[in-house]
């Protein structure tokens, strides 16, 4: 399976995903690019901007 397919399957299970989860679980360094590909394929994916414990921003994605 491709990274996009794995991420799509993850999201369709009702789970959220962050860049760190994508890297650890799927070897995906460019989650935002994969999310963009999935959006182009018609998935309605929402982005929630969050901050880690020291204030660095990151994105969390889930299906609408």
C-alpha atoms as a PDB file:
ATOM      1  CA  UNK A   1       0.000   0.000   0.000  1.00  0.00           C
ATOM      2  CA  UNK A   2       1.104   3.565  -0.639  1.00  0.00           C
ATOM      3  CA  UNK A   3       1.449   6.109   2.149  1.00  0.00           C
ATOM      4  CA  UNK A   4      -1.690   7.866   0.885  1.00  0.00           C
ATOM      5  CA  UNK A   5      -3.647   4.612   0.998  1.00  0.00           C
ATOM      6  CA  UNK A   6      -2.441   3.865   4.525  1.00  0.00           C
ATOM      7  CA  UNK A   7      -3.323   7.357   5.734  1.00  0.00           C
ATOM      8  CA  UNK A   8      -6.729   7.204   4.034  1.00  0.00           C
ATOM      9  CA  UNK A   9      -7.442   3.884   5.758  1.00  0.00           C
ATOM     10  CA  UNK A  10      -6.344   5.395   9.095  1.00  0.00           C
ATOM     11  CA  UNK A  11      -8.682   8.378   8.673  1.00  0.00           C
ATOM     12  CA  UNK A  12     -11.617   6.250   7.503  1.00  0.00           C
ATOM     13  CA  UNK A  13     -11.411   4.345  10.803  1.00  0.00           C
ATOM     14  CA  UNK A  14     -12.397   7.634  12.467  1.00  0.00           C
ATOM     15  CA  UNK A  15      -8.899   8.312  13.769  1.00  0.00           C
ATOM     16  CA  UNK A  16      -6.985  11.581  13.781  1.00  0.00           C
ATOM     17  CA  UNK A  17      -3.407  11.844  12.530  1.00  0.00           C
ATOM     18  CA  UNK A  18      -0.481  14.166  13.210  1.00  0.00           C
ATOM     19  CA  UNK A  19       2.832  14.463  11.374  1.00  0.00           C
ATOM     20  CA  UNK A  20       4.639  12.553  14.148  1.00  0.00           C
ATOM     21  CA  UNK A  21       2.109   9.683  14.001  1.00  0.00           C
ATOM     22  CA  UNK A  22       2.436   9.569  10.213  1.00  0.00           C
ATOM     23  CA  UNK A  23       6.218   9.370  10.467  1.00  0.00           C
ATOM     24  CA  UNK A  24       6.266   6.681  13.167  1.00  0.00           C
ATOM     25  CA  UNK A  25       3.438   4.531  11.814  1.00  0.00           C
ATOM     26  CA  UNK A  26       3.770   4.959   8.041  1.00  0.00           C
ATOM     27  CA  UNK A  27       7.257   6.374   7.383  1.00  0.00           C
ATOM     28  CA  UNK A  28       5.658   9.523   5.969  1.00  0.00           C
ATOM     29  CA  UNK A  29       7.807  12.652   6.269  1.00  0.00           C
ATOM     30  CA  UNK A  30       5.386  14.833   4.252  1.00  0.00           C
ATOM     31  CA  UNK A  31       1.933  14.325   5.780  1.00  0.00           C
ATOM     32  CA  UNK A  32       0.638  17.685   4.516  1.00  0.00           C
ATOM     33  CA  UNK A  33       1.436  16.636   0.934  1.00  0.00           C
ATOM     34  CA  UNK A  34      -0.344  13.306   1.382  1.00  0.00           C
ATOM     35  CA  UNK A  35      -3.355  15.106   2.908  1.00  0.00           C
ATOM     36  CA  UNK A  36      -3.392  17.442  -0.103  1.00  0.00           C
ATOM     37  CA  UNK A  37      -3.394  14.415  -2.439  1.00  0.00           C
ATOM     38  CA  UNK A  38      -6.307  12.864  -0.532  1.00  0.00           C
ATOM     39  CA  UNK A  39      -8.247  16.131  -0.677  1.00  0.00           C
ATOM     40  CA  UNK A  40      -7.719  16.235  -4.452  1.00  0.00           C
ATOM     41  CA  UNK A  41      -9.165  12.706  -4.541  1.00  0.00           C
ATOM     42  CA  UNK A  42     -12.323  14.010  -2.859  1.00  0.00           C
ATOM     43  CA  UNK A  43     -11.849  13.329   0.845  1.00  0.00           C
ATOM     44  CA  UNK A  44     -13.197  16.065   3.135  1.00  0.00           C
ATOM     45  CA  UNK A  45     -10.341  16.404   5.629  1.00  0.00           C
ATOM     46  CA  UNK A  46     -10.299  19.026   8.362  1.00  0.00           C
ATOM     47  CA  UNK A  47      -7.147  20.565   9.824  1.00  0.00           C
ATOM     48  CA  UNK A  48      -6.882  21.539  13.484  1.00  0.00           C
ATOM     49  CA  UNK A  49      -3.833  23.595  14.421  1.00  0.00           C
ATOM     50  CA  UNK A  50      -2.393  22.679  17.824  1.00  0.00           C
ATOM     51  CA  UNK A  51       0.686  23.450  19.903  1.00  0.00           C
ATOM     52  CA  UNK A  52       2.948  21.001  21.677  1.00  0.00           C
ATOM     53  CA  UNK A  53       4.063  21.308  25.300  1.00  0.00           C
ATOM     54  CA  UNK A  54       6.676  23.945  24.484  1.00  0.00           C
ATOM     55  CA  UNK A  55       4.489  25.929  22.096  1.00  0.00           C
ATOM     56  CA  UNK A  56       5.568  24.631  18.681  1.00  0.00           C
ATOM     57  CA  UNK A  57       2.654  24.460  16.203  1.00  0.00           C
ATOM     58  CA  UNK A  58       1.597  21.290  14.410  1.00  0.00           C
ATOM     59  CA  UNK A  59      -1.450  20.133  12.464  1.00  0.00           C
ATOM     60  CA  UNK A  60      -3.873  17.354  13.334  1.00  0.00           C
ATOM     61  CA  UNK A  61      -6.055  15.988  10.542  1.00  0.00           C
ATOM     62  CA  UNK A  62      -9.356  14.115  10.599  1.00  0.00           C
ATOM     63  CA  UNK A  63     -12.300  13.438   8.323  1.00  0.00           C
ATOM     64  CA  UNK A  64     -15.182  15.909   8.432  1.00  0.00           C
END
